[in-house]
N, C-alpha and C. Protein backbone atom coordinates (compact mmCIF):
# COMPACT_ATOMS: atom_id res chain seq x y z
N MET A 1 121.60 63.25 96.47
CA MET A 1 120.82 64.29 97.03
C MET A 1 119.44 63.71 97.40
N ASP A 2 119.08 63.85 98.65
CA ASP A 2 117.79 63.25 99.09
C ASP A 2 116.70 64.32 99.16
N ALA A 3 115.51 63.92 99.56
CA ALA A 3 114.35 64.81 99.59
C ALA A 3 114.53 65.92 100.63
N GLY A 4 115.21 65.68 101.69
CA GLY A 4 115.45 66.67 102.72
C GLY A 4 116.31 67.81 102.22
N THR A 5 117.34 67.44 101.45
CA THR A 5 118.23 68.47 100.86
C THR A 5 117.50 69.33 99.87
N LEU A 6 116.72 68.68 98.97
CA LEU A 6 115.97 69.42 97.99
C LEU A 6 114.94 70.32 98.68
N GLY A 7 114.35 69.90 99.73
CA GLY A 7 113.39 70.72 100.45
C GLY A 7 114.07 71.95 101.08
N ALA A 8 115.27 71.72 101.61
CA ALA A 8 116.00 72.84 102.21
C ALA A 8 116.43 73.84 101.15
N ILE A 9 116.92 73.36 100.02
CA ILE A 9 117.34 74.26 98.93
C ILE A 9 116.17 75.06 98.41
N SER A 10 114.99 74.40 98.21
CA SER A 10 113.84 75.12 97.73
C SER A 10 113.35 76.13 98.75
N THR A 11 113.42 75.82 100.02
CA THR A 11 113.01 76.77 101.06
C THR A 11 113.91 77.98 101.02
N VAL A 12 115.19 77.81 100.92
CA VAL A 12 116.11 78.93 100.84
C VAL A 12 115.82 79.76 99.62
N LEU A 13 115.63 79.13 98.46
CA LEU A 13 115.36 79.91 97.23
C LEU A 13 114.07 80.69 97.33
N VAL A 14 113.05 80.15 97.88
CA VAL A 14 111.79 80.87 98.05
C VAL A 14 111.94 82.00 99.02
N MET A 15 112.69 81.82 100.08
CA MET A 15 112.95 82.87 101.05
C MET A 15 113.71 84.02 100.41
N VAL A 16 114.72 83.68 99.60
CA VAL A 16 115.53 84.73 98.91
C VAL A 16 114.60 85.50 97.94
N ALA A 17 113.71 84.79 97.25
CA ALA A 17 112.80 85.49 96.32
C ALA A 17 111.83 86.38 97.09
N PHE A 18 111.34 85.89 98.22
CA PHE A 18 110.44 86.72 99.05
C PHE A 18 111.07 88.00 99.53
N PHE A 19 112.31 87.88 100.04
CA PHE A 19 112.99 89.05 100.50
C PHE A 19 113.36 89.99 99.33
N GLY A 20 113.62 89.42 98.17
CA GLY A 20 113.85 90.28 96.99
C GLY A 20 112.64 91.07 96.59
N VAL A 21 111.49 90.46 96.60
CA VAL A 21 110.25 91.15 96.28
C VAL A 21 109.92 92.23 97.36
N CYS A 22 110.16 91.89 98.61
CA CYS A 22 109.94 92.87 99.66
C CYS A 22 110.92 94.08 99.51
N TRP A 23 112.18 93.80 99.22
CA TRP A 23 113.14 94.87 99.01
C TRP A 23 112.69 95.74 97.81
N TRP A 24 112.26 95.12 96.75
CA TRP A 24 111.85 95.86 95.56
C TRP A 24 110.64 96.73 95.87
N ALA A 25 109.66 96.19 96.59
CA ALA A 25 108.44 96.89 96.86
C ALA A 25 108.59 98.05 97.82
N PHE A 26 109.50 97.94 98.78
CA PHE A 26 109.63 98.93 99.83
C PHE A 26 110.90 99.77 99.68
N ALA A 27 111.57 99.71 98.55
CA ALA A 27 112.74 100.55 98.33
C ALA A 27 112.31 102.04 98.28
N PRO A 28 113.03 102.88 98.94
CA PRO A 28 112.66 104.30 99.02
C PRO A 28 112.56 105.00 97.64
N LYS A 29 113.37 104.57 96.67
CA LYS A 29 113.33 105.27 95.38
C LYS A 29 112.06 104.93 94.61
N ARG A 30 111.30 103.95 95.01
CA ARG A 30 110.05 103.61 94.30
C ARG A 30 108.81 104.14 95.02
N LYS A 31 108.98 104.81 96.15
CA LYS A 31 107.85 105.28 96.96
C LYS A 31 106.98 106.22 96.18
N LYS A 32 107.54 107.21 95.50
CA LYS A 32 106.70 108.17 94.78
C LYS A 32 105.89 107.49 93.69
N ARG A 33 106.49 106.58 92.92
CA ARG A 33 105.76 105.87 91.89
C ARG A 33 104.60 105.07 92.46
N PHE A 34 104.81 104.36 93.55
CA PHE A 34 103.75 103.55 94.15
C PHE A 34 102.66 104.44 94.75
N GLU A 35 102.99 105.62 95.26
CA GLU A 35 101.97 106.52 95.78
C GLU A 35 101.13 107.04 94.63
N GLU A 36 101.70 107.35 93.47
CA GLU A 36 100.95 107.78 92.31
C GLU A 36 100.08 106.65 91.80
N ASP A 37 100.62 105.43 91.76
CA ASP A 37 99.84 104.31 91.28
C ASP A 37 98.64 104.00 92.20
N ALA A 38 98.84 104.25 93.50
CA ALA A 38 97.74 104.01 94.43
C ALA A 38 96.57 104.92 94.21
N LYS A 39 96.81 106.10 93.62
CA LYS A 39 95.73 107.07 93.37
C LYS A 39 95.04 106.84 92.02
N LEU A 40 95.51 105.96 91.20
CA LEU A 40 94.94 105.71 89.88
C LEU A 40 93.45 105.36 89.87
N PRO A 41 93.01 104.50 90.79
CA PRO A 41 91.55 104.18 90.78
C PRO A 41 90.64 105.40 90.97
N PHE A 42 91.17 106.42 91.63
CA PHE A 42 90.36 107.63 91.92
C PHE A 42 90.58 108.75 90.88
N ALA A 43 91.41 108.54 89.89
CA ALA A 43 91.77 109.56 88.96
C ALA A 43 90.61 110.00 88.07
N ASP A 44 89.73 109.10 87.74
CA ASP A 44 88.61 109.49 86.85
C ASP A 44 87.30 109.65 87.59
N ASP A 45 87.35 109.84 88.88
CA ASP A 45 86.12 110.04 89.62
C ASP A 45 85.40 111.31 89.23
N ASP A 46 86.13 112.37 88.90
CA ASP A 46 85.52 113.64 88.48
C ASP A 46 84.75 113.44 87.19
N ALA A 47 85.27 112.70 86.24
CA ALA A 47 84.62 112.50 84.94
C ALA A 47 83.35 111.66 85.13
N THR A 48 83.41 110.61 85.89
CA THR A 48 82.26 109.76 86.08
C THR A 48 81.22 110.42 86.97
N GLY A 49 81.64 111.27 87.88
CA GLY A 49 80.72 111.97 88.74
C GLY A 49 79.83 112.94 87.92
N LYS A 50 80.37 113.57 86.89
CA LYS A 50 79.62 114.48 86.07
C LYS A 50 78.57 113.70 85.23
N GLU A 51 78.93 112.53 84.80
CA GLU A 51 78.01 111.70 83.99
C GLU A 51 76.80 111.32 84.84
N HIS A 52 77.08 110.96 86.09
CA HIS A 52 75.98 110.53 86.99
C HIS A 52 75.05 111.68 87.37
N GLU A 53 75.60 112.90 87.41
CA GLU A 53 74.77 114.03 87.73
C GLU A 53 73.77 114.31 86.63
N GLN A 54 74.14 114.08 85.41
CA GLN A 54 73.25 114.34 84.26
C GLN A 54 72.11 113.32 84.24
N ASN A 55 72.38 112.12 84.62
CA ASN A 55 71.39 111.04 84.59
C ASN A 55 71.00 110.72 86.01
N ASP A 56 69.86 111.29 86.49
CA ASP A 56 69.45 111.16 87.88
C ASP A 56 69.22 109.74 88.29
N HIS A 57 68.53 108.96 87.43
CA HIS A 57 68.19 107.59 87.75
C HIS A 57 68.63 106.69 86.58
N PRO A 58 69.86 106.22 86.59
CA PRO A 58 70.32 105.45 85.45
C PRO A 58 69.54 104.17 85.21
N GLY A 59 68.94 103.59 86.25
CA GLY A 59 68.19 102.37 86.09
C GLY A 59 66.72 102.60 85.81
N ASP A 60 66.30 103.86 85.80
CA ASP A 60 64.92 104.22 85.57
C ASP A 60 64.57 104.15 84.10
N ASP A 61 63.62 103.37 83.71
CA ASP A 61 63.23 103.22 82.32
C ASP A 61 61.87 103.86 82.05
N SER A 62 61.51 104.89 82.84
CA SER A 62 60.21 105.51 82.66
C SER A 62 60.08 106.24 81.30
N ASP A 63 61.21 106.61 80.67
CA ASP A 63 61.18 107.27 79.37
C ASP A 63 60.79 106.29 78.29
N ARG A 64 60.97 105.02 78.52
CA ARG A 64 60.68 104.00 77.49
C ARG A 64 59.26 103.45 77.53
N ARG A 65 58.49 103.87 78.50
CA ARG A 65 57.13 103.35 78.64
C ARG A 65 56.22 103.87 77.50
N ASN A 66 55.31 103.06 77.05
CA ASN A 66 54.41 103.47 75.94
C ASN A 66 53.18 104.08 76.49
């Protein structure tokens, strides 16, 4: 087995792995889960928004001045 054959085999294996990942990611039965996961970064915006309303200037240290 020479370098050309090994290169061809590795190319085919990587291509099969790529298509497998694409099939897994875009399978219709996983669509709902991925849509829910896409919203996770925004799930706690309400909680953090309320904290920021209470503290008008979080970087303001005027309360600590002597």
